[in-house]
Amino acid sequence: MVIEGMIRQFRYKPDRTKEELHLADPDPTLTPDEVRHHFATTMPLCTALISATVEKPEIEDGKILVYHFKNNLGTKG
């Protein structure tokens, strides 16, 4: 029997007019928050991730762990 780990994928929608970005896991040893920081500092389109939060993951197709980055800029309260 072979037990395989789940693949992580990160998703981010930069704004309401753009499509959601599907971002590959840059390093499985990083925490989801470290991945958020990585993309915020290395991808110009993702600089707003600096203040984003990481939502709880969802399981897709029984093998993909999907994390969504939620942008908190422009929200009140």
Protein backbone atom coordinates (compact mmCIF):
# COMPACT_ATOMS: atom_id res chain seq x y z
CA MET A 1 0.00 0.00 0.00
CA VAL A 2 1.32 3.45 -0.94
CA ILE A 3 0.26 6.47 1.09
CA GLU A 4 0.70 9.74 -0.74
CA GLY A 5 0.65 13.21 0.77
CA MET A 6 -1.79 15.81 -0.40
CA ILE A 7 -0.73 18.42 -2.92
CA ARG A 8 -1.15 22.01 -1.74
CA GLN A 9 -2.44 24.72 -4.04
CA PHE A 10 -2.94 28.38 -3.21
CA ARG A 11 -5.56 30.61 -4.80
CA TYR A 12 -5.88 34.35 -4.89
CA LYS A 13 -8.19 36.73 -6.71
CA PRO A 14 -6.39 40.09 -6.99
CA ASP A 15 -9.60 42.10 -7.48
CA ARG A 16 -13.19 41.70 -8.57
CA THR A 17 -12.43 42.10 -12.26
CA LYS A 18 -9.64 39.54 -12.55
CA GLU A 19 -9.73 35.79 -12.60
CA GLU A 20 -8.57 33.78 -9.62
CA LEU A 21 -4.88 32.87 -9.72
CA HIS A 22 -3.90 29.27 -9.03
CA LEU A 23 -0.47 29.32 -7.41
CA ALA A 24 1.69 26.23 -7.09
CA ASP A 25 3.24 25.42 -3.73
CA PRO A 26 6.73 27.01 -3.78
CA ASP A 27 8.02 24.87 -0.90
CA PRO A 28 6.07 22.18 0.99
CA THR A 29 8.07 22.90 4.15
CA LEU A 30 6.66 26.45 4.40
CA THR A 31 3.54 27.17 6.43
CA PRO A 32 0.57 28.62 4.49
CA ASP A 33 1.32 32.03 6.02
CA GLU A 34 4.96 31.82 4.90
CA VAL A 35 3.72 30.95 1.39
CA ARG A 36 1.46 34.04 1.49
CA HIS A 37 4.46 36.18 2.42
CA HIS A 38 6.59 34.55 -0.30
CA PHE A 39 4.09 35.40 -3.05
CA ALA A 40 3.50 38.91 -1.64
CA THR A 41 7.20 39.71 -1.91
CA THR A 42 8.06 37.95 -5.17
CA MET A 43 5.05 38.51 -7.46
CA PRO A 44 4.13 42.10 -8.37
CA LEU A 45 0.49 41.11 -8.98
CA CYS A 46 0.26 39.72 -5.44
CA THR A 47 1.66 42.58 -3.34
CA ALA A 48 -1.73 43.03 -1.61
CA LEU A 49 -1.17 39.61 -0.03
CA ILE A 50 1.02 41.36 2.55
CA SER A 51 -2.17 42.16 4.50
CA ALA A 52 -4.24 39.14 3.44
CA THR A 53 -5.29 36.21 5.56
CA VAL A 54 -5.16 32.50 4.76
CA GLU A 55 -8.53 30.76 4.93
CA LYS A 56 -8.99 27.17 6.10
CA PRO A 57 -8.12 24.71 3.33
CA GLU A 58 -10.63 22.79 1.25
CA ILE A 59 -10.01 19.34 -0.19
CA GLU A 60 -10.48 19.04 -3.93
CA ASP A 61 -10.58 15.75 -5.84
CA GLY A 62 -9.53 13.93 -2.67
CA LYS A 63 -5.88 14.86 -3.17
CA ILE A 64 -5.49 18.65 -3.47
CA LEU A 65 -5.48 20.85 -0.39
CA VAL A 66 -6.62 24.29 -1.59
CA TYR A 67 -5.87 27.40 0.46
CA HIS A 68 -7.51 30.72 -0.43
CA PHE A 69 -5.86 34.04 0.33
CA LYS A 70 -8.44 36.64 1.38
CA ASN A 71 -7.50 40.23 0.76
CA ASN A 72 -8.40 42.45 3.71
CA LEU A 73 -7.66 45.77 2.02
CA GLY A 74 -10.71 47.96 1.66
CA THR A 75 -12.80 46.12 4.26
CA LYS A 76 -14.26 47.93 7.26
CA GLY A 77 -14.67 46.75 10.80
